[in-house]
Amino acid sequence: MNENEFIKTLEARAREQGKIIINMPMPKVFRTVCFWLGDHPLRILVPLAFIINFVFHSIIGQRYDEFILKIFGKL
């Protein structure tokens, strides 16, 4: 199998998988979010990490900074 046939096979499988996902019994909103998150994961993960970091830092305080430094200091 050459490269061109391999790419065509992958595209055909991706189309089949897309049809299966569209026909699955899940709400349209959930399906849209899954596709969007699959295409743009950093648009939600990076802000979520900042929010979680801010929450932990405001709740725990200075000990949170020391905890993070202990984790990354050992790497």
N, C-alpha and C. Protein backbone atom coordinates (compact mmCIF):
# COMPACT_ATOMS: atom_id res chain seq x y z
N MET A 1 0.85 -1.17 0.00
CA MET A 1 0.00 0.00 0.00
C MET A 1 0.90 1.24 0.00
N ASN A 2 0.66 2.10 -0.96
CA ASN A 2 1.47 3.31 -1.00
C ASN A 2 0.83 4.39 -0.13
N GLU A 3 1.49 5.51 -0.07
CA GLU A 3 1.06 6.59 0.83
C GLU A 3 -0.30 7.16 0.43
N ASN A 4 -0.54 7.29 -0.86
CA ASN A 4 -1.80 7.85 -1.33
C ASN A 4 -2.98 6.95 -0.96
N GLU A 5 -2.84 5.65 -1.12
CA GLU A 5 -3.90 4.72 -0.74
C GLU A 5 -4.12 4.72 0.76
N PHE A 6 -3.04 4.83 1.52
CA PHE A 6 -3.15 4.86 2.98
C PHE A 6 -3.93 6.08 3.44
N ILE A 7 -3.65 7.24 2.84
CA ILE A 7 -4.36 8.47 3.21
C ILE A 7 -5.84 8.35 2.84
N LYS A 8 -6.14 7.78 1.67
CA LYS A 8 -7.53 7.61 1.27
C LYS A 8 -8.26 6.67 2.23
N THR A 9 -7.58 5.61 2.67
CA THR A 9 -8.18 4.68 3.63
C THR A 9 -8.46 5.38 4.96
N LEU A 10 -7.52 6.19 5.43
CA LEU A 10 -7.73 6.93 6.68
C LEU A 10 -8.89 7.92 6.56
N GLU A 11 -8.98 8.61 5.43
CA GLU A 11 -10.07 9.55 5.23
C GLU A 11 -11.41 8.84 5.19
N ALA A 12 -11.47 7.67 4.55
CA ALA A 12 -12.72 6.90 4.51
C ALA A 12 -13.12 6.45 5.91
N ARG A 13 -12.16 5.98 6.69
CA ARG A 13 -12.47 5.57 8.07
C ARG A 13 -12.93 6.75 8.91
N ALA A 14 -12.32 7.92 8.70
CA ALA A 14 -12.73 9.11 9.45
C ALA A 14 -14.15 9.52 9.09
N ARG A 15 -14.51 9.42 7.80
CA ARG A 15 -15.89 9.73 7.39
C ARG A 15 -16.87 8.75 8.02
N GLU A 16 -16.52 7.47 8.03
CA GLU A 16 -17.40 6.46 8.64
C GLU A 16 -17.57 6.72 10.13
N GLN A 17 -16.48 7.05 10.80
CA GLN A 17 -16.55 7.33 12.24
C GLN A 17 -17.39 8.57 12.50
N GLY A 18 -17.25 9.59 11.65
CA GLY A 18 -18.07 10.80 11.80
C GLY A 18 -19.55 10.50 11.64
N LYS A 19 -19.90 9.63 10.68
CA LYS A 19 -21.31 9.25 10.49
C LYS A 19 -21.83 8.50 11.72
N ILE A 20 -21.00 7.63 12.27
CA ILE A 20 -21.41 6.88 13.47
C ILE A 20 -21.65 7.82 14.64
N ILE A 21 -20.75 8.77 14.82
CA ILE A 21 -20.88 9.71 15.94
C ILE A 21 -22.11 10.59 15.77
N ILE A 22 -22.37 11.03 14.54
CA ILE A 22 -23.55 11.88 14.30
C ILE A 22 -24.83 11.12 14.58
N ASN A 23 -24.86 9.84 14.27
CA ASN A 23 -26.07 9.04 14.47
C ASN A 23 -26.22 8.50 15.90
N MET A 24 -25.25 8.75 16.76
CA MET A 24 -25.35 8.27 18.14
C MET A 24 -26.45 9.03 18.88
N PRO A 25 -27.12 8.37 19.81
CA PRO A 25 -28.22 9.03 20.53
C PRO A 25 -27.71 9.91 21.67
N MET A 26 -27.14 11.04 21.33
CA MET A 26 -26.71 11.99 22.35
C MET A 26 -27.22 13.37 21.96
N PRO A 27 -27.39 14.24 22.91
CA PRO A 27 -27.91 15.57 22.59
C PRO A 27 -26.99 16.32 21.63
N LYS A 28 -27.60 17.16 20.83
CA LYS A 28 -26.86 17.92 19.82
C LYS A 28 -25.82 18.83 20.46
N VAL A 29 -26.12 19.41 21.60
CA VAL A 29 -25.17 20.30 22.27
C VAL A 29 -23.93 19.54 22.70
N PHE A 30 -24.13 18.36 23.28
CA PHE A 30 -22.99 17.56 23.72
C PHE A 30 -22.13 17.15 22.55
N ARG A 31 -22.74 16.76 21.44
CA ARG A 31 -21.99 16.37 20.25
C ARG A 31 -21.20 17.56 19.71
N THR A 32 -21.79 18.75 19.69
CA THR A 32 -21.10 19.95 19.20
C THR A 32 -19.91 20.28 20.09
N VAL A 33 -20.09 20.20 21.40
CA VAL A 33 -19.00 20.49 22.33
C VAL A 33 -17.87 19.48 22.17
N CYS A 34 -18.21 18.22 21.98
CA CYS A 34 -17.18 17.19 21.80
C CYS A 34 -16.35 17.46 20.56
N PHE A 35 -17.02 17.78 19.45
CA PHE A 35 -16.27 18.07 18.22
C PHE A 35 -15.42 19.32 18.39
N TRP A 36 -15.98 20.37 19.02
CA TRP A 36 -15.25 21.62 19.18
C TRP A 36 -14.05 21.43 20.11
N LEU A 37 -14.25 20.69 21.20
CA LEU A 37 -13.15 20.44 22.13
C LEU A 37 -12.09 19.55 21.49
N GLY A 38 -12.52 18.64 20.63
CA GLY A 38 -11.56 17.80 19.92
C GLY A 38 -10.70 18.59 18.95
N ASP A 39 -11.26 19.64 18.36
CA ASP A 39 -10.50 20.46 17.41
C ASP A 39 -9.69 21.55 18.10
N HIS A 40 -10.19 22.07 19.22
CA HIS A 40 -9.55 23.20 19.90
C HIS A 40 -9.42 22.94 21.41
N PRO A 41 -8.65 21.94 21.83
CA PRO A 41 -8.62 21.60 23.26
C PRO A 41 -7.97 22.67 24.13
N LEU A 42 -7.01 23.41 23.59
CA LEU A 42 -6.31 24.39 24.42
C LEU A 42 -7.15 25.62 24.72
N ARG A 43 -8.19 25.86 23.93
CA ARG A 43 -9.06 27.00 24.18
C ARG A 43 -9.83 26.86 25.48
N ILE A 44 -10.03 25.63 25.93
CA ILE A 44 -10.74 25.42 27.19
C ILE A 44 -9.80 24.96 28.29
N LEU A 45 -8.79 24.17 27.96
CA LEU A 45 -7.93 23.60 28.99
C LEU A 45 -7.02 24.64 29.63
N VAL A 46 -6.48 25.56 28.85
CA VAL A 46 -5.58 26.57 29.41
C VAL A 46 -6.34 27.53 30.34
N PRO A 47 -7.48 28.10 29.93
CA PRO A 47 -8.22 28.94 30.89
C PRO A 47 -8.68 28.18 32.12
N LEU A 48 -9.07 26.91 31.93
CA LEU A 48 -9.48 26.10 33.08
C LEU A 48 -8.33 25.90 34.05
N ALA A 49 -7.13 25.69 33.53
CA ALA A 49 -5.96 25.53 34.40
C ALA A 49 -5.69 26.82 35.18
N PHE A 50 -5.82 27.97 34.53
CA PHE A 50 -5.62 29.24 35.24
C PHE A 50 -6.66 29.45 36.33
N ILE A 51 -7.91 29.10 36.03
CA ILE A 51 -8.98 29.26 37.03
C ILE A 51 -8.74 28.34 38.22
N ILE A 52 -8.39 27.09 37.96
CA ILE A 52 -8.13 26.14 39.05
C ILE A 52 -6.93 26.60 39.88
N ASN A 53 -5.90 27.07 39.20
CA ASN A 53 -4.71 27.57 39.90
C ASN A 53 -5.07 28.76 40.79
N PHE A 54 -5.87 29.68 40.27
CA PHE A 54 -6.28 30.86 41.04
C PHE A 54 -7.11 30.46 42.26
N VAL A 55 -8.02 29.51 42.07
CA VAL A 55 -8.87 29.07 43.18
C VAL A 55 -8.04 28.43 44.28
N PHE A 56 -7.15 27.50 43.89
CA PHE A 56 -6.31 26.85 44.90
C PHE A 56 -5.39 27.85 45.59
N HIS A 57 -4.85 28.78 44.82
CA HIS A 57 -3.94 29.76 45.42
C HIS A 57 -4.69 30.68 46.38
N SER A 58 -5.92 31.05 46.05
CA SER A 58 -6.67 31.93 46.95
C SER A 58 -7.16 31.18 48.19
N ILE A 59 -7.44 29.89 48.08
CA ILE A 59 -7.91 29.12 49.23
C ILE A 59 -6.75 28.72 50.13
N ILE A 60 -5.70 28.14 49.55
CA ILE A 60 -4.61 27.60 50.35
C ILE A 60 -3.56 28.65 50.68
N GLY A 61 -3.28 29.54 49.74
CA GLY A 61 -2.32 30.61 50.00
C GLY A 61 -0.89 30.21 49.70
N GLN A 62 0.01 30.63 50.55
CA GLN A 62 1.45 30.42 50.36
C GLN A 62 1.82 28.94 50.34
N ARG A 63 1.11 28.12 51.08
CA ARG A 63 1.41 26.69 51.10
C ARG A 63 1.22 26.06 49.71
N TYR A 64 0.29 26.60 48.92
CA TYR A 64 0.08 26.09 47.57
C TYR A 64 1.31 26.34 46.70
N ASP A 65 1.90 27.52 46.82
CA ASP A 65 3.13 27.82 46.08
C ASP A 65 4.25 26.86 46.47
N GLU A 66 4.39 26.62 47.76
CA GLU A 66 5.43 25.70 48.22
C GLU A 66 5.17 24.28 47.73
N PHE A 67 3.91 23.87 47.70
CA PHE A 67 3.56 22.54 47.23
C PHE A 67 3.91 22.38 45.74
N ILE A 68 3.57 23.37 44.94
CA ILE A 68 3.89 23.32 43.50
C ILE A 68 5.39 23.32 43.29
N LEU A 69 6.11 24.10 44.06
CA LEU A 69 7.57 24.13 43.91
C LEU A 69 8.19 22.79 44.31
N LYS A 70 7.62 22.11 45.31
CA LYS A 70 8.11 20.79 45.69
C LYS A 70 7.88 19.79 44.55
N ILE A 71 6.72 19.86 43.92
CA ILE A 71 6.41 18.93 42.82
C ILE A 71 7.37 19.14 41.66
N PHE A 72 7.50 20.37 41.20
CA PHE A 72 8.32 20.64 40.02
C PHE A 72 9.80 20.75 40.35
N GLY A 73 10.15 20.89 41.62
CA GLY A 73 11.56 20.92 42.00
C GLY A 73 12.21 19.55 41.91
N LYS A 74 11.38 18.50 41.99
CA LYS A 74 11.92 17.14 41.93
C LYS A 74 12.03 16.60 40.52
N LEU A 75 11.51 17.31 39.55
CA LEU A 75 11.55 16.81 38.16
C LEU A 75 12.90 16.95 37.54
